[in-house]
C-alpha atoms as a PDB file:
ATOM      1  CA  MET A   1       0.000   0.000   0.000  1.00  0.00           C
ATOM      2  CA  GLU A   2       1.318   3.425  -0.932  1.00  0.00           C
ATOM      3  CA  PHE A   3       1.743   6.048   1.788  1.00  0.00           C
ATOM      4  CA  ALA A   4      -0.600   8.465  -0.018  1.00  0.00           C
ATOM      5  CA  GLU A   5      -3.313   5.795   0.056  1.00  0.00           C
ATOM      6  CA  VAL A   6      -2.779   5.256   3.780  1.00  0.00           C
ATOM      7  CA  VAL A   7      -3.156   8.991   4.421  1.00  0.00           C
ATOM      8  CA  ARG A   8      -6.301   9.230   2.299  1.00  0.00           C
ATOM      9  CA  LYS A   9      -7.962   6.274   4.056  1.00  0.00           C
ATOM     10  CA  ARG A  10      -7.128   7.233   7.641  1.00  0.00           C
ATOM     11  CA  ARG A  11      -9.914   8.260   9.978  1.00  0.00           C
ATOM     12  CA  MET A  12      -9.970   9.820  13.434  1.00  0.00           C
ATOM     13  CA  VAL A  13     -11.917   7.708  15.904  1.00  0.00           C
ATOM     14  CA  ARG A  14     -12.878   8.809  19.399  1.00  0.00           C
ATOM     15  CA  HIS A  15     -15.834   6.578  20.116  1.00  0.00           C
ATOM     16  CA  PHE A  16     -14.981   2.947  20.736  1.00  0.00           C
ATOM     17  CA  THR A  17     -16.765  -0.325  21.423  1.00  0.00           C
ATOM     18  CA  PRO A  18     -16.426  -1.757  24.941  1.00  0.00           C
ATOM     19  CA  GLU A  19     -14.754  -4.919  23.626  1.00  0.00           C
ATOM     20  CA  PRO A  20     -11.174  -5.307  24.849  1.00  0.00           C
ATOM     21  CA  VAL A  21      -8.335  -5.257  22.332  1.00  0.00           C
ATOM     22  CA  PRO A  22      -6.376  -8.527  22.434  1.00  0.00           C
ATOM     23  CA  ARG A  23      -3.068  -8.183  24.281  1.00  0.00           C
ATOM     24  CA  GLU A  24      -1.150  -9.447  21.233  1.00  0.00           C
ATOM     25  CA  THR A  25      -2.648  -6.637  19.129  1.00  0.00           C
ATOM     26  CA  VAL A  26      -1.691  -3.989  21.688  1.00  0.00           C
ATOM     27  CA  GLU A  27       1.839  -5.383  21.901  1.00  0.00           C
ATOM     28  CA  ARG A  28       2.162  -5.388  18.085  1.00  0.00           C
ATOM     29  CA  MET A  29       0.967  -1.756  17.870  1.00  0.00           C
ATOM     30  CA  LEU A  30       3.378  -0.685  20.603  1.00  0.00           C
ATOM     31  CA  ASP A  31       6.257  -2.477  18.930  1.00  0.00           C
ATOM     32  CA  LEU A  32       5.519  -0.666  15.665  1.00  0.00           C
ATOM     33  CA  ALA A  33       5.143   2.688  17.449  1.00  0.00           C
ATOM     34  CA  ARG A  34       8.490   2.230  19.233  1.00  0.00           C
ATOM     35  CA  HIS A  35      10.169   1.854  15.867  1.00  0.00           C
ATOM     36  CA  ALA A  36       8.568   4.944  14.329  1.00  0.00           C
ATOM     37  CA  PRO A  37      10.941   7.733  13.358  1.00  0.00           C
ATOM     38  CA  SER A  38      11.448  10.627  15.756  1.00  0.00           C
ATOM     39  CA  ALA A  39      13.011  14.061  15.400  1.00  0.00           C
ATOM     40  CA  GLY A  40      16.773  13.735  15.452  1.00  0.00           C
ATOM     41  CA  PHE A  41      16.348  10.030  16.246  1.00  0.00           C
ATOM     42  CA  THR A  42      15.722  10.995  19.868  1.00  0.00           C
ATOM     43  CA  GLN A  43      13.100   8.293  20.431  1.00  0.00           C
ATOM     44  CA  GLY A  44      11.515  10.581  23.004  1.00  0.00           C
ATOM     45  CA  GLN A  45       8.186   8.841  23.425  1.00  0.00           C
ATOM     46  CA  ALA A  46       6.744   6.636  26.113  1.00  0.00           C
ATOM     47  CA  PHE A  47       3.566   4.572  26.124  1.00  0.00           C
ATOM     48  CA  VAL A  48       1.270   3.611  28.959  1.00  0.00           C
ATOM     49  CA  VAL A  49      -1.449   1.034  28.350  1.00  0.00           C
ATOM     50  CA  VAL A  50      -4.443   1.385  30.645  1.00  0.00           C
ATOM     51  CA  ALA A  51      -6.964  -1.473  30.475  1.00  0.00           C
ATOM     52  CA  ASP A  52      -8.530  -1.369  33.937  1.00  0.00           C
ATOM     53  CA  PRO A  53     -11.910   0.465  33.757  1.00  0.00           C
ATOM     54  CA  GLU A  54     -11.435   2.221  37.104  1.00  0.00           C
ATOM     55  CA  MET A  55      -7.969   3.419  36.146  1.00  0.00           C
ATOM     56  CA  LYS A  56      -9.320   4.651  32.775  1.00  0.00           C
ATOM     57  CA  ARG A  57     -11.981   6.616  34.675  1.00  0.00           C
ATOM     58  CA  ARG A  58      -9.319   8.152  36.913  1.00  0.00           C
ATOM     59  CA  VAL A  59      -7.096   9.063  33.957  1.00  0.00           C
ATOM     60  CA  ALA A  60     -10.106  10.660  32.240  1.00  0.00           C
ATOM     61  CA  GLU A  61     -10.802  12.675  35.392  1.00  0.00           C
ATOM     62  CA  VAL A  62      -7.214  13.951  35.553  1.00  0.00           C
ATOM     63  CA  CYS A  63      -7.331  14.835  31.836  1.00  0.00           C
ATOM     64  CA  GLY A  64     -10.518  16.862  32.241  1.00  0.00           C
ATOM     65  CA  GLU A  65     -12.766  14.609  30.188  1.00  0.00           C
ATOM     66  CA  LYS A  66     -15.764  15.944  32.139  1.00  0.00           C
ATOM     67  CA  HIS A  67     -15.431  19.357  30.449  1.00  0.00           C
ATOM     68  CA  TYR A  68     -15.095  17.699  27.048  1.00  0.00           C
ATOM     69  CA  VAL A  69     -18.314  15.718  27.627  1.00  0.00           C
ATOM     70  CA  GLU A  70     -20.125  18.787  28.987  1.00  0.00           C
ATOM     71  CA  ALA A  71     -19.292  20.501  25.692  1.00  0.00           C
ATOM     72  CA  GLY A  72     -21.291  17.799  23.904  1.00  0.00           C
ATOM     73  CA  TRP A  73     -18.570  15.362  22.861  1.00  0.00           C
ATOM     74  CA  ASP A  74     -18.488  11.625  23.549  1.00  0.00           C
ATOM     75  CA  PRO A  75     -16.233  10.436  26.365  1.00  0.00           C
ATOM     76  CA  TRP A  76     -13.218   8.863  24.715  1.00  0.00           C
ATOM     77  CA  ILE A  77     -10.565   8.687  27.406  1.00  0.00           C
ATOM     78  CA  SER A  78     -12.681   6.709  29.859  1.00  0.00           C
ATOM     79  CA  GLU A  79     -13.972   4.455  27.099  1.00  0.00           C
END
């Protein structure tokens, strides 16, 4: 697949199903993300996977998801 085709077909998603993503899929995505290019090859990214519903709720609270939802948007951090 050509890069231009990938860019044209991409979509932003912020409303998800409640079904869990298989661990192998998450690990594969993280492995690919860790190998993505970075500015000056600094590799300055870190990833945190949160699967526990209560922890997702707490992260959403810290990130201010409440204000986002009050503005009429779907909750996407806690989901």
